Amino acid sequence: MWRIWLLFDPRRALIAVLAFAFLMVMLMHFIMLSTERFNFLGGSTATDTAAISAPIETVRPT
């Protein structure tokens, strides 16, 4: 394992991994914001929020 670090500079490798992780996180956030369900910046109304969080009512036969 130590021979790998002779090929790569640890500082550059760490910066590259962190930059890649940051870009992936930002990409995932923008993909989620583009969906209607997870877009919390879109200004959803109270009826939209109530419809999502309302429990499903079951009808019992009498």
C-alpha atoms as a PDB file:
ATOM      1  CA  MET A   1       0.000   0.000   0.000  1.00  0.00           C
ATOM      2  CA  TRP A   2       2.795   2.408   0.784  1.00  0.00           C
ATOM      3  CA  ARG A   3       4.152   2.064  -2.749  1.00  0.00           C
ATOM      4  CA  ILE A   4       1.012   3.675  -4.131  1.00  0.00           C
ATOM      5  CA  TRP A   5       1.891   6.909  -2.338  1.00  0.00           C
ATOM      6  CA  LEU A   6       5.269   6.873  -4.045  1.00  0.00           C
ATOM      7  CA  LEU A   7       3.393   7.245  -7.342  1.00  0.00           C
ATOM      8  CA  PHE A   8       0.875   9.877  -6.169  1.00  0.00           C
ATOM      9  CA  ASP A   9       1.357  13.020  -4.134  1.00  0.00           C
ATOM     10  CA  PRO A  10      -0.931  12.579  -1.079  1.00  0.00           C
ATOM     11  CA  ARG A  11      -1.917  16.255  -0.987  1.00  0.00           C
ATOM     12  CA  ARG A  12      -2.951  16.315  -4.635  1.00  0.00           C
ATOM     13  CA  ALA A  13      -4.785  13.009  -4.314  1.00  0.00           C
ATOM     14  CA  LEU A  14      -6.726  14.215  -1.258  1.00  0.00           C
ATOM     15  CA  ILE A  15      -7.666  17.488  -2.942  1.00  0.00           C
ATOM     16  CA  ALA A  16      -8.778  15.608  -6.075  1.00  0.00           C
ATOM     17  CA  VAL A  17     -10.930  13.175  -4.053  1.00  0.00           C
ATOM     18  CA  LEU A  18     -12.546  15.987  -2.059  1.00  0.00           C
ATOM     19  CA  ALA A  19     -13.213  18.052  -5.188  1.00  0.00           C
ATOM     20  CA  PHE A  20     -14.788  15.040  -6.902  1.00  0.00           C
ATOM     21  CA  ALA A  21     -16.971  14.327  -3.842  1.00  0.00           C
ATOM     22  CA  PHE A  22     -18.075  17.970  -3.674  1.00  0.00           C
ATOM     23  CA  LEU A  23     -19.011  17.976  -7.353  1.00  0.00           C
ATOM     24  CA  MET A  24     -20.985  14.751  -6.958  1.00  0.00           C
ATOM     25  CA  VAL A  25     -22.880  16.144  -3.953  1.00  0.00           C
ATOM     26  CA  MET A  26     -23.733  19.340  -5.830  1.00  0.00           C
ATOM     27  CA  LEU A  27     -24.873  17.336  -8.849  1.00  0.00           C
ATOM     28  CA  MET A  28     -27.136  15.165  -6.687  1.00  0.00           C
ATOM     29  CA  HIS A  29     -28.641  18.226  -5.009  1.00  0.00           C
ATOM     30  CA  PHE A  30     -29.426  19.874  -8.331  1.00  0.00           C
ATOM     31  CA  ILE A  31     -30.956  16.672  -9.671  1.00  0.00           C
ATOM     32  CA  MET A  32     -33.143  16.394  -6.583  1.00  0.00           C
ATOM     33  CA  LEU A  33     -34.160  20.061  -6.835  1.00  0.00           C
ATOM     34  CA  SER A  34     -35.246  19.496 -10.423  1.00  0.00           C
ATOM     35  CA  THR A  35     -37.887  16.990  -9.290  1.00  0.00           C
ATOM     36  CA  GLU A  36     -41.317  18.194  -8.229  1.00  0.00           C
ATOM     37  CA  ARG A  37     -41.401  16.180  -5.009  1.00  0.00           C
ATOM     38  CA  PHE A  38     -38.089  17.329  -3.504  1.00  0.00           C
ATOM     39  CA  ASN A  39     -37.973  20.928  -4.758  1.00  0.00           C
ATOM     40  CA  PHE A  40     -38.284  22.851  -1.505  1.00  0.00           C
ATOM     41  CA  LEU A  41     -37.295  26.124  -3.202  1.00  0.00           C
ATOM     42  CA  GLY A  42     -40.263  26.074  -5.585  1.00  0.00           C
ATOM     43  CA  GLY A  43     -42.651  27.642  -3.111  1.00  0.00           C
ATOM     44  CA  SER A  44     -45.119  24.807  -2.586  1.00  0.00           C
ATOM     45  CA  THR A  45     -48.524  25.755  -1.226  1.00  0.00           C
ATOM     46  CA  ALA A  46     -50.099  24.450   1.964  1.00  0.00           C
ATOM     47  CA  THR A  47     -52.418  22.164   0.004  1.00  0.00           C
ATOM     48  CA  ASP A  48     -49.475  20.556  -1.764  1.00  0.00           C
ATOM     49  CA  THR A  49     -47.725  19.876   1.518  1.00  0.00           C
ATOM     50  CA  ALA A  50     -50.879  18.583   3.176  1.00  0.00           C
ATOM     51  CA  ALA A  51     -51.549  16.241   0.267  1.00  0.00           C
ATOM     52  CA  ILE A  52     -48.081  14.748   0.523  1.00  0.00           C
ATOM     53  CA  SER A  53     -48.071  14.253   4.296  1.00  0.00           C
ATOM     54  CA  ALA A  54     -51.739  13.276   4.744  1.00  0.00           C
ATOM     55  CA  PRO A  55     -52.298   9.674   5.814  1.00  0.00           C
ATOM     56  CA  ILE A  56     -54.207   7.380   3.522  1.00  0.00           C
ATOM     57  CA  GLU A  57     -57.692   6.723   4.834  1.00  0.00           C
ATOM     58  CA  THR A  58     -59.112   3.258   4.479  1.00  0.00           C
ATOM     59  CA  VAL A  59     -62.807   2.625   4.114  1.00  0.00           C
ATOM     60  CA  ARG A  60     -64.105  -0.145   6.345  1.00  0.00           C
ATOM     61  CA  PRO A  61     -67.253  -1.954   5.341  1.00  0.00           C
ATOM     62  CA  THR A  62     -70.074  -1.704   7.859  1.00  0.00           C
END
